[in-house]
């Protein structure tokens, strides 16, 4: 039961991290890389 809870929380945390990190990385790349 405890392991399942950790697994679920881990997936939730990973989804949140992805939701924040992906757009930030995209914006960072658009700023750093010159537009062709």
PDB file of N, CA and C in Angstrom:
ATOM      1  N   UNK A   1       0.843  -1.192   0.000  1.00  0.00           N
ATOM      2  CA  UNK A   1       0.000   0.000   0.000  1.00  0.00           C
ATOM      3  C   UNK A   1       0.885   1.251   0.000  1.00  0.00           C
ATOM      4  N   UNK A   2       1.913   1.233   0.858  1.00  0.00           N
ATOM      5  CA  UNK A   2       2.820   2.373   0.930  1.00  0.00           C
ATOM      6  C   UNK A   2       3.573   2.578  -0.376  1.00  0.00           C
ATOM      7  N   UNK A   3       4.004   1.444  -0.978  1.00  0.00           N
ATOM      8  CA  UNK A   3       4.742   1.531  -2.237  1.00  0.00           C
ATOM      9  C   UNK A   3       3.889   2.110  -3.352  1.00  0.00           C
ATOM     10  N   UNK A   4       2.616   1.710  -3.381  1.00  0.00           N
ATOM     11  CA  UNK A   4       1.701   2.214  -4.402  1.00  0.00           C
ATOM     12  C   UNK A   4       1.503   3.718  -4.232  1.00  0.00           C
ATOM     13  N   UNK A   5       1.415   4.159  -2.981  1.00  0.00           N
ATOM     14  CA  UNK A   5       1.240   5.589  -2.692  1.00  0.00           C
ATOM     15  C   UNK A   5       2.446   6.377  -3.200  1.00  0.00           C
ATOM     16  N   UNK A   6       3.638   5.875  -2.903  1.00  0.00           N
ATOM     17  CA  UNK A   6       4.871   6.532  -3.344  1.00  0.00           C
ATOM     18  C   UNK A   6       4.923   6.578  -4.864  1.00  0.00           C
ATOM     19  N   UNK A   7       4.540   5.468  -5.499  1.00  0.00           N
ATOM     20  CA  UNK A   7       4.547   5.380  -6.956  1.00  0.00           C
ATOM     21  C   UNK A   7       3.596   6.402  -7.565  1.00  0.00           C
ATOM     22  N   UNK A   8       2.382   6.502  -6.991  1.00  0.00           N
ATOM     23  CA  UNK A   8       1.376   7.441  -7.496  1.00  0.00           C
ATOM     24  C   UNK A   8       1.838   8.880  -7.308  1.00  0.00           C
ATOM     25  N   UNK A   9       2.358   9.190  -6.122  1.00  0.00           N
ATOM     26  CA  UNK A   9       2.858  10.536  -5.840  1.00  0.00           C
ATOM     27  C   UNK A   9       4.035  10.865  -6.753  1.00  0.00           C
ATOM     28  N   UNK A  10       4.882   9.872  -6.994  1.00  0.00           N
ATOM     29  CA  UNK A  10       6.037  10.060  -7.869  1.00  0.00           C
ATOM     30  C   UNK A  10       5.612  10.413  -9.287  1.00  0.00           C
ATOM     31  N   UNK A  11       4.596   9.711  -9.797  1.00  0.00           N
ATOM     32  CA  UNK A  11       4.100   9.982 -11.146  1.00  0.00           C
ATOM     33  C   UNK A  11       3.469  11.363 -11.210  1.00  0.00           C
ATOM     34  N   UNK A  12       2.730  11.729 -10.161  1.00  0.00           N
ATOM     35  CA  UNK A  12       2.071  13.031 -10.109  1.00  0.00           C
ATOM     36  C   UNK A  12       3.124  14.138 -10.119  1.00  0.00           C
ATOM     37  N   UNK A  13       4.173  13.931  -9.312  1.00  0.00           N
ATOM     38  CA  UNK A  13       5.253  14.908  -9.220  1.00  0.00           C
ATOM     39  C   UNK A  13       5.969  15.033 -10.557  1.00  0.00           C
ATOM     40  N   UNK A  14       6.170  13.895 -11.241  1.00  0.00           N
ATOM     41  CA  UNK A  14       6.849  13.900 -12.532  1.00  0.00           C
ATOM     42  C   UNK A  14       6.020  14.645 -13.570  1.00  0.00           C
ATOM     43  N   UNK A  15       4.697  14.466 -13.525  1.00  0.00           N
ATOM     44  CA  UNK A  15       3.808  15.172 -14.452  1.00  0.00           C
ATOM     45  C   UNK A  15       3.843  16.672 -14.209  1.00  0.00           C
ATOM     46  N   UNK A  16       3.855  17.075 -12.928  1.00  0.00           N
ATOM     47  CA  UNK A  16       3.925  18.494 -12.581  1.00  0.00           C
ATOM     48  C   UNK A  16       5.255  19.073 -13.055  1.00  0.00           C
ATOM     49  N   UNK A  17       6.333  18.338 -12.791  1.00  0.00           N
ATOM     50  CA  UNK A  17       7.664  18.787 -13.199  1.00  0.00           C
ATOM     51  C   UNK A  17       7.731  18.947 -14.709  1.00  0.00           C
ATOM     52  N   UNK A  18       7.157  17.980 -15.438  1.00  0.00           N
ATOM     53  CA  UNK A  18       7.148  18.018 -16.897  1.00  0.00           C
ATOM     54  C   UNK A  18       6.342  19.210 -17.393  1.00  0.00           C
ATOM     55  N   UNK A  19       5.202  19.458 -16.748  1.00  0.00           N
ATOM     56  CA  UNK A  19       4.318  20.552 -17.148  1.00  0.00           C
ATOM     57  C   UNK A  19       4.995  21.909 -16.956  1.00  0.00           C
ATOM     58  N   UNK A  20       5.845  22.011 -15.935  1.00  0.00           N
ATOM     59  CA  UNK A  20       6.554  23.268 -15.683  1.00  0.00           C
ATOM     60  C   UNK A  20       7.827  23.344 -16.524  1.00  0.00           C
ATOM     61  N   UNK A  21       8.568  22.241 -16.568  1.00  0.00           N
ATOM     62  CA  UNK A  21       9.893  22.212 -17.173  1.00  0.00           C
ATOM     63  C   UNK A  21       9.857  22.332 -18.691  1.00  0.00           C
ATOM     64  N   UNK A  22       8.926  21.632 -19.341  1.00  0.00           N
ATOM     65  CA  UNK A  22       8.854  21.622 -20.800  1.00  0.00           C
ATOM     66  C   UNK A  22       8.672  23.019 -21.390  1.00  0.00           C
ATOM     67  N   UNK A  23       7.642  23.793 -20.980  1.00  0.00           N
ATOM     68  CA  UNK A  23       7.468  25.143 -21.519  1.00  0.00           C
ATOM     69  C   UNK A  23       8.648  26.052 -21.197  1.00  0.00           C
ATOM     70  N   UNK A  24       9.227  25.888 -20.016  1.00  0.00           N
ATOM     71  CA  UNK A  24      10.377  26.703 -19.625  1.00  0.00           C
ATOM     72  C   UNK A  24      11.562  26.404 -20.537  1.00  0.00           C
ATOM     73  N   UNK A  25      11.793  25.133 -20.812  1.00  0.00           N
ATOM     74  CA  UNK A  25      12.875  24.724 -21.702  1.00  0.00           C
ATOM     75  C   UNK A  25      12.625  25.244 -23.110  1.00  0.00           C
ATOM     76  N   UNK A  26      11.379  25.168 -23.570  1.00  0.00           N
ATOM     77  CA  UNK A  26      11.002  25.636 -24.898  1.00  0.00           C
ATOM     78  C   UNK A  26      11.265  27.127 -25.035  1.00  0.00           C
ATOM     79  N   UNK A  27      10.842  27.894 -24.015  1.00  0.00           N
ATOM     80  CA  UNK A  27      11.037  29.341 -24.020  1.00  0.00           C
ATOM     81  C   UNK A  27      12.523  29.675 -23.982  1.00  0.00           C
ATOM     82  N   UNK A  28      13.275  28.930 -23.170  1.00  0.00           N
ATOM     83  CA  UNK A  28      14.719  29.118 -23.052  1.00  0.00           C
ATOM     84  C   UNK A  28      15.395  28.906 -24.405  1.00  0.00           C
ATOM     85  N   UNK A  29      14.997  27.858 -25.113  1.00  0.00           N
ATOM     86  CA  UNK A  29      15.574  27.559 -26.425  1.00  0.00           C
ATOM     87  C   UNK A  29      15.226  28.650 -27.426  1.00  0.00           C
ATOM     88  N   UNK A  30      14.003  29.166 -27.362  1.00  0.00           N
ATOM     89  CA  UNK A  30      13.585  30.211 -28.289  1.00  0.00           C
ATOM     90  C   UNK A  30      14.355  31.507 -28.043  1.00  0.00           C
ATOM     91  N   UNK A  31      14.701  31.773 -26.787  1.00  0.00           N
ATOM     92  CA  UNK A  31      15.464  32.978 -26.453  1.00  0.00           C
ATOM     93  C   UNK A  31      16.928  32.801 -26.862  1.00  0.00           C
ATOM     94  N   UNK A  32      17.504  31.656 -26.508  1.00  0.00           N
ATOM     95  CA  UNK A  32      18.929  31.409 -26.755  1.00  0.00           C
ATOM     96  C   UNK A  32      19.214  31.216 -28.244  1.00  0.00           C
ATOM     97  N   UNK A  33      18.439  30.365 -28.889  1.00  0.00           N
ATOM     98  CA  UNK A  33      18.677  30.095 -30.306  1.00  0.00           C
ATOM     99  C   UNK A  33      18.085  31.210 -31.156  1.00  0.00           C
ATOM    100  N   UNK A  34      18.888  31.769 -32.075  1.00  0.00           N
ATOM    101  CA  UNK A  34      18.374  32.823 -32.948  1.00  0.00           C
ATOM    102  C   UNK A  34      17.337  32.261 -33.917  1.00  0.00           C
ATOM    103  N   UNK A  35      16.329  33.071 -34.216  1.00  0.00           N
ATOM    104  CA  UNK A  35      15.305  32.634 -35.163  1.00  0.00           C
ATOM    105  C   UNK A  35      15.842  32.721 -36.588  1.00  0.00           C
ATOM    106  N   UNK A  36      15.626  31.671 -37.358  1.00  0.00           N
ATOM    107  CA  UNK A  36      16.146  31.655 -38.720  1.00  0.00           C
ATOM    108  C   UNK A  36      15.246  32.466 -39.641  1.00  0.00           C
TER     109      UNK A  36
END
